[in-house]
Amino acid sequence: MSLSVASRSPCPSVMKKIVMRRRAVFASLVVASLVSIAVLMFSAMRRGGILPVEGVLLALFLVMLPWLVIGFWNAVVGLLLMRFFRDPAAAVNPLLKDEHPNAPLTTSIAILVCLGNEEIEGVARSVEIMLEDLLHKGVLPHFHLYLLSDSSWDDIIDQEEEALPPR
């Protein structure tokens, strides 16, 4: 990213206000959903009294509920961004607004390929196609490929070492 892009972005105090407003709206949605769902679950379970087993079930439900609600609202926000903004990444990151799609890369980018007891031919073919495309676009020197193998089968490990030798 060039300095000219950073200089045209909103000042830090304005960005801080925007971020704080977004976080407040998101937190409000999450808290309102949490409270509403918890009250609904409690009212549905309390008819006839809550047995100890049901109390444990309610407690476990309440422990898992925040993750479900946060995931739900993240998905809704992502859907709205993808649906209503021409450039969703720039909508949430003002530094990208003035970035030209064909601007030259100036940073180093890591590509991580995770393997775990997989047929290596398909993975090697996909990695090779990706690297050829990066070479064709002239940006391959900016990318560094890292292979992380968690394979435990000896035959797969041998295949990985043959197909993807260290560089």
Protein backbone atom coordinates (compact mmCIF):
# COMPACT_ATOMS: atom_id res chain seq x y z
CA MET A 1 0.00 0.00 0.00
CA SER A 2 1.38 3.39 -0.88
CA LEU A 3 1.65 6.41 1.38
CA SER A 4 -0.72 8.38 -0.82
CA VAL A 5 -3.55 6.00 -0.01
CA ALA A 6 -2.95 6.31 3.72
CA SER A 7 -2.82 10.09 3.48
CA ARG A 8 -6.24 10.27 1.80
CA SER A 9 -7.96 8.10 4.40
CA PRO A 10 -10.06 9.71 7.15
CA CYS A 11 -8.20 11.06 10.15
CA PRO A 12 -7.69 8.67 13.10
CA SER A 13 -10.24 10.41 15.34
CA VAL A 14 -12.98 10.09 12.71
CA MET A 15 -12.05 6.45 12.10
CA LYS A 16 -12.14 5.77 15.84
CA LYS A 17 -15.66 7.22 16.07
CA ILE A 18 -16.84 5.14 13.12
CA VAL A 19 -15.34 1.96 14.56
CA MET A 20 -16.80 2.65 18.01
CA ARG A 21 -20.25 3.25 16.49
CA ARG A 22 -20.05 -0.02 14.53
CA ARG A 23 -18.98 -1.91 17.63
CA ALA A 24 -21.78 -0.36 19.68
CA VAL A 25 -24.41 -1.34 17.11
CA PHE A 26 -23.01 -4.86 16.85
CA ALA A 27 -22.83 -5.24 20.64
CA SER A 28 -26.41 -3.97 20.97
CA LEU A 29 -27.65 -6.51 18.42
CA VAL A 30 -25.78 -9.32 20.17
CA VAL A 31 -26.93 -8.38 23.68
CA ALA A 32 -30.55 -7.89 22.59
CA SER A 33 -30.51 -11.28 20.86
CA LEU A 34 -28.86 -12.99 23.82
CA VAL A 35 -31.37 -11.61 26.31
CA SER A 36 -34.36 -12.37 24.07
CA ILE A 37 -33.32 -15.94 23.32
CA ALA A 38 -32.36 -16.63 26.96
CA VAL A 39 -35.73 -15.35 28.19
CA LEU A 40 -37.58 -17.42 25.58
CA MET A 41 -35.65 -20.56 26.50
CA PHE A 42 -36.16 -20.01 30.24
CA SER A 43 -39.90 -19.37 29.82
CA ALA A 44 -40.27 -22.46 27.65
CA MET A 45 -38.49 -24.64 30.22
CA ARG A 46 -40.04 -23.30 33.41
CA ARG A 47 -43.53 -24.68 32.76
CA GLY A 48 -43.89 -27.47 35.27
CA GLY A 49 -40.67 -26.51 37.03
CA ILE A 50 -37.07 -26.95 36.04
CA LEU A 51 -35.55 -30.28 37.03
CA PRO A 52 -31.81 -30.44 37.82
CA VAL A 53 -31.11 -32.08 34.46
CA GLU A 54 -33.04 -29.32 32.70
CA GLY A 55 -31.11 -26.73 34.72
CA VAL A 56 -27.84 -28.21 33.45
CA LEU A 57 -29.24 -28.21 29.92
CA LEU A 58 -30.26 -24.55 30.28
CA ALA A 59 -26.83 -23.63 31.66
CA LEU A 60 -25.05 -25.37 28.78
CA PHE A 61 -27.39 -23.68 26.31
CA LEU A 62 -26.57 -20.29 27.81
CA VAL A 63 -22.82 -21.03 27.64
CA MET A 64 -23.04 -21.83 23.92
CA LEU A 65 -25.53 -19.12 23.03
CA PRO A 66 -23.08 -16.18 22.71
CA TRP A 67 -21.04 -18.00 20.07
CA LEU A 68 -24.15 -18.77 18.07
CA VAL A 69 -25.49 -15.22 18.29
CA ILE A 70 -22.15 -13.60 17.40
CA GLY A 71 -21.77 -15.96 14.44
CA PHE A 72 -25.31 -15.19 13.31
CA TRP A 73 -24.82 -11.41 13.40
CA ASN A 74 -21.43 -11.70 11.68
CA ALA A 75 -23.12 -13.64 8.90
CA VAL A 76 -25.93 -11.09 8.61
CA VAL A 77 -23.48 -8.17 8.45
CA GLY A 78 -21.37 -10.02 5.88
CA LEU A 79 -24.43 -10.78 3.77
CA LEU A 80 -25.54 -7.14 3.85
CA LEU A 81 -22.06 -5.94 2.93
CA MET A 82 -21.80 -8.39 0.04
CA ARG A 83 -25.30 -7.56 -1.19
CA PHE A 84 -25.39 -3.77 -0.95
CA PHE A 85 -21.81 -2.59 -1.49
CA ARG A 86 -19.90 -2.70 -4.73
CA ASP A 87 -16.61 -3.14 -2.83
CA PRO A 88 -17.38 -4.76 0.56
CA ALA A 89 -13.74 -4.76 1.68
CA ALA A 90 -13.46 -1.01 1.11
CA ALA A 91 -16.75 -0.47 2.94
CA VAL A 92 -15.22 -1.77 6.16
CA ASN A 93 -11.61 -0.71 5.54
CA PRO A 94 -11.29 2.89 4.31
CA LEU A 95 -7.62 2.36 3.44
CA LEU A 96 -8.76 0.19 0.53
CA LYS A 97 -11.10 2.78 -1.00
CA ASP A 98 -8.44 4.51 -3.06
CA GLU A 99 -6.36 1.41 -3.75
CA HIS A 100 -6.18 0.61 -7.45
CA PRO A 101 -6.80 -3.09 -8.21
CA ASN A 102 -3.68 -3.25 -10.37
CA ALA A 103 -1.42 -1.40 -7.94
CA PRO A 104 1.96 -3.09 -7.58
CA LEU A 105 2.50 -5.29 -4.56
CA THR A 106 4.94 -3.92 -2.04
CA THR A 107 4.58 -6.49 0.75
CA SER A 108 5.43 -10.10 1.37
CA ILE A 109 2.47 -12.48 1.42
CA ALA A 110 2.44 -15.94 2.99
CA ILE A 111 0.43 -18.78 1.53
CA LEU A 112 -0.14 -21.61 3.97
CA VAL A 113 -1.15 -25.03 2.69
CA CYS A 114 -2.28 -27.40 5.45
CA LEU A 115 -2.13 -31.12 4.73
CA GLY A 116 -3.44 -33.97 6.81
CA ASN A 117 -3.44 -37.50 5.40
CA GLU A 118 -4.71 -36.25 2.02
CA GLU A 119 -4.16 -37.50 -1.49
CA ILE A 120 -1.24 -35.29 -2.48
CA GLU A 121 -1.78 -35.33 -6.25
CA GLY A 122 -4.80 -33.02 -6.09
CA VAL A 123 -3.18 -30.68 -3.60
CA ALA A 124 0.07 -30.52 -5.58
CA ARG A 125 -1.86 -29.81 -8.80
CA SER A 126 -3.81 -26.97 -7.17
CA VAL A 127 -0.67 -25.45 -5.65
CA GLU A 128 1.14 -25.72 -8.97
CA ILE A 129 -1.70 -23.98 -10.83
CA MET A 130 -1.78 -21.21 -8.22
CA LEU A 131 1.99 -20.67 -8.38
CA GLU A 132 1.96 -20.66 -12.20
CA ASP A 133 -0.78 -18.01 -12.16
CA LEU A 134 1.22 -15.87 -9.73
CA LEU A 135 4.31 -16.29 -11.93
CA HIS A 136 2.28 -15.35 -15.03
CA LYS A 137 1.07 -12.18 -13.27
CA GLY A 138 4.64 -11.33 -12.27
CA VAL A 139 3.99 -11.24 -8.54
CA LEU A 140 5.45 -14.60 -7.48
CA PRO A 141 8.49 -13.04 -5.73
CA HIS A 142 6.09 -11.41 -3.23
CA PHE A 143 4.58 -14.75 -2.20
CA HIS A 144 6.07 -17.38 0.08
CA LEU A 145 4.60 -20.86 0.21
CA TYR A 146 4.55 -22.76 3.49
CA LEU A 147 3.39 -26.35 3.73
CA LEU A 148 2.19 -27.63 7.07
CA SER A 149 1.74 -31.38 7.17
CA ASP A 150 -0.05 -33.10 9.99
CA SER A 151 -0.06 -36.42 8.19
CA SER A 152 0.45 -39.54 10.24
CA TRP A 153 0.31 -42.25 7.57
CA ASP A 154 3.78 -43.22 6.34
CA ASP A 155 2.72 -43.71 2.71
CA ILE A 156 1.09 -40.27 2.59
CA ILE A 157 4.16 -38.68 4.20
CA ASP A 158 6.37 -40.28 1.54
CA GLN A 159 4.05 -39.01 -1.22
CA GLU A 160 4.14 -35.49 0.25
CA GLU A 161 7.94 -35.46 0.39
CA GLU A 162 8.20 -36.68 -3.22
CA ALA A 163 5.56 -34.37 -4.68
CA LEU A 164 6.38 -31.26 -2.68
CA PRO A 165 10.12 -31.18 -2.00
CA PRO A 166 11.41 -28.38 0.25
CA ARG A 167 12.54 -25.29 -1.67
